[in-house]
Protein backbone atom coordinates (compact mmCIF):
# COMPACT_ATOMS: atom_id res chain seq x y z
CA MET A 1 115.18 45.01 147.02
CA LEU A 2 112.48 43.88 144.56
CA GLU A 3 111.04 40.93 143.22
CA SER A 4 109.02 39.64 140.75
CA ASP A 5 107.77 35.37 139.86
CA ILE A 6 106.96 34.15 136.70
CA SER A 7 106.18 31.21 136.23
CA ALA A 8 107.23 29.42 132.84
CA ASN A 9 107.03 26.29 132.13
CA ASP A 10 106.53 23.81 135.62
CA ARG A 11 109.55 25.42 136.87
CA ARG A 12 110.15 28.99 138.79
CA VAL A 13 111.85 32.10 136.63
CA LYS A 14 112.41 34.71 139.72
CA ARG A 15 114.10 38.37 139.71
CA THR A 16 115.70 39.50 142.40
CA MET A 17 116.74 43.59 141.62
CA ALA A 18 119.19 45.32 144.19
CA GLY A 19 121.79 47.79 143.57
CA GLU A 20 124.04 47.55 140.94
CA THR A 21 123.78 43.36 140.57
CA ASP A 22 119.97 42.21 139.61
CA ALA A 23 119.58 38.60 140.21
CA ILE A 24 117.38 35.76 138.23
CA ALA A 25 117.01 32.69 140.43
CA ILE A 26 116.72 29.54 138.14
CA ASN A 27 114.21 26.81 140.44
CA GLY A 28 113.91 23.72 138.40
CA PRO A 29 116.23 22.18 135.43
CA LEU A 30 117.73 25.22 132.80
CA ASP A 31 116.81 22.73 129.58
CA PHE A 32 115.32 24.73 127.31
CA ASN A 33 116.68 27.58 125.24
CA ASP A 34 114.38 30.23 127.98
CA THR A 35 113.56 33.35 125.87
CA LEU A 36 111.81 34.09 129.50
CA ILE A 37 115.43 34.66 130.76
CA VAL A 38 117.24 36.48 127.87
CA THR A 39 113.48 39.08 127.97
CA MET A 40 114.36 39.87 131.73
CA VAL A 41 118.23 40.45 130.75
CA GLN A 42 117.62 42.68 127.68
CA GLN A 43 115.19 44.08 130.83
CA ILE A 44 117.98 45.30 132.67
CA ILE A 45 120.43 46.53 130.17
CA ASN A 46 117.60 48.40 129.21
CA GLU A 47 117.55 49.78 133.23
CA GLY A 48 121.06 50.88 133.06
CA LYS A 49 122.85 47.90 134.80
CA LYS A 50 126.07 46.26 133.19
CA ALA A 51 125.70 43.33 136.16
CA LEU A 52 123.81 40.45 136.33
CA ALA A 53 124.03 37.20 138.71
CA LEU A 54 121.72 33.84 137.93
CA ASP A 55 121.33 31.68 140.97
CA LEU A 56 121.62 27.80 139.82
CA SER A 57 121.53 26.87 143.47
CA LYS A 58 118.40 25.66 142.66
CA ALA A 59 118.32 24.59 139.04
CA SER A 60 118.56 21.14 139.23
CA TYR A 61 120.70 20.92 136.19
CA VAL A 62 121.54 22.96 132.75
CA SER A 63 121.26 20.99 129.20
CA SER A 64 122.63 22.25 126.03
CA PRO A 65 119.63 24.59 125.17
CA GLY A 66 119.93 25.66 128.82
CA ILE A 67 123.46 26.18 127.70
CA ALA A 68 122.37 27.96 124.50
CA THR A 69 120.50 30.67 126.70
CA ILE A 70 123.40 31.37 129.60
CA ILE A 71 125.29 32.65 126.09
CA LYS A 72 122.69 34.37 124.87
CA VAL A 73 122.49 36.17 128.03
CA ILE A 74 126.40 36.50 127.66
CA LYS A 75 126.01 37.97 124.46
CA LYS A 76 123.43 40.36 125.85
CA LEU A 77 126.10 41.67 128.21
CA GLN A 78 129.24 41.93 126.39
CA VAL A 79 127.63 44.18 124.55
CA VAL A 80 127.18 46.82 127.29
CA GLY A 81 130.22 45.77 128.41
CA GLY A 82 128.46 43.39 131.58
CA GLN A 83 128.87 40.89 133.67
CA LEU A 84 127.79 37.61 134.15
CA LEU A 85 127.99 35.62 137.64
CA ILE A 86 127.47 32.22 138.25
CA ILE A 87 126.30 31.42 141.96
CA GLY A 88 125.38 28.10 143.23
CA ALA A 89 126.09 26.04 139.70
CA THR A 90 127.27 21.90 140.87
CA PRO A 91 130.62 20.69 140.04
CA ASP A 92 128.56 18.45 136.89
CA MET A 93 127.49 22.54 136.26
CA ILE A 94 130.39 24.28 136.18
CA ASN A 95 132.17 21.06 133.86
CA CYS A 96 129.34 21.82 131.50
CA PHE A 97 130.46 25.29 131.02
CA SER A 98 133.83 24.11 130.23
CA THR A 99 133.27 21.95 128.49
CA ALA A 100 131.15 24.31 126.49
CA ARG A 101 134.03 27.36 126.67
CA ILE A 102 132.00 29.23 128.55
CA ASP A 103 133.48 29.26 131.64
CA ARG A 104 135.63 32.12 130.51
CA PHE A 105 132.39 34.76 129.92
CA MET A 106 131.53 34.21 133.63
CA LYS A 107 132.87 34.49 137.34
CA PHE A 108 131.50 32.19 140.05
CA MET A 109 130.87 31.81 143.41
């Protein structure tokens, strides 16, 4: 398992690479349209992987621009027939995803 930490805007984004599924963990709010995350996802896809886990267990909240980031991630994964797995989302986050009608494009754990 390989890990990399990238500080961005006073929060941490950590990518964990293991087997067929890579994970991106968010520590703090996902409250803006984050090109760093989208760039990381594109790198994962370029490496030939199609499964991505987005770990929100340490995310304090997800705002509308954060949802826009997730939509970009979903679209990039759909192009290659990939799938987004959401880990540790709170009921409020899941409700936001449902309201935005993007919950059907992700699996929850």
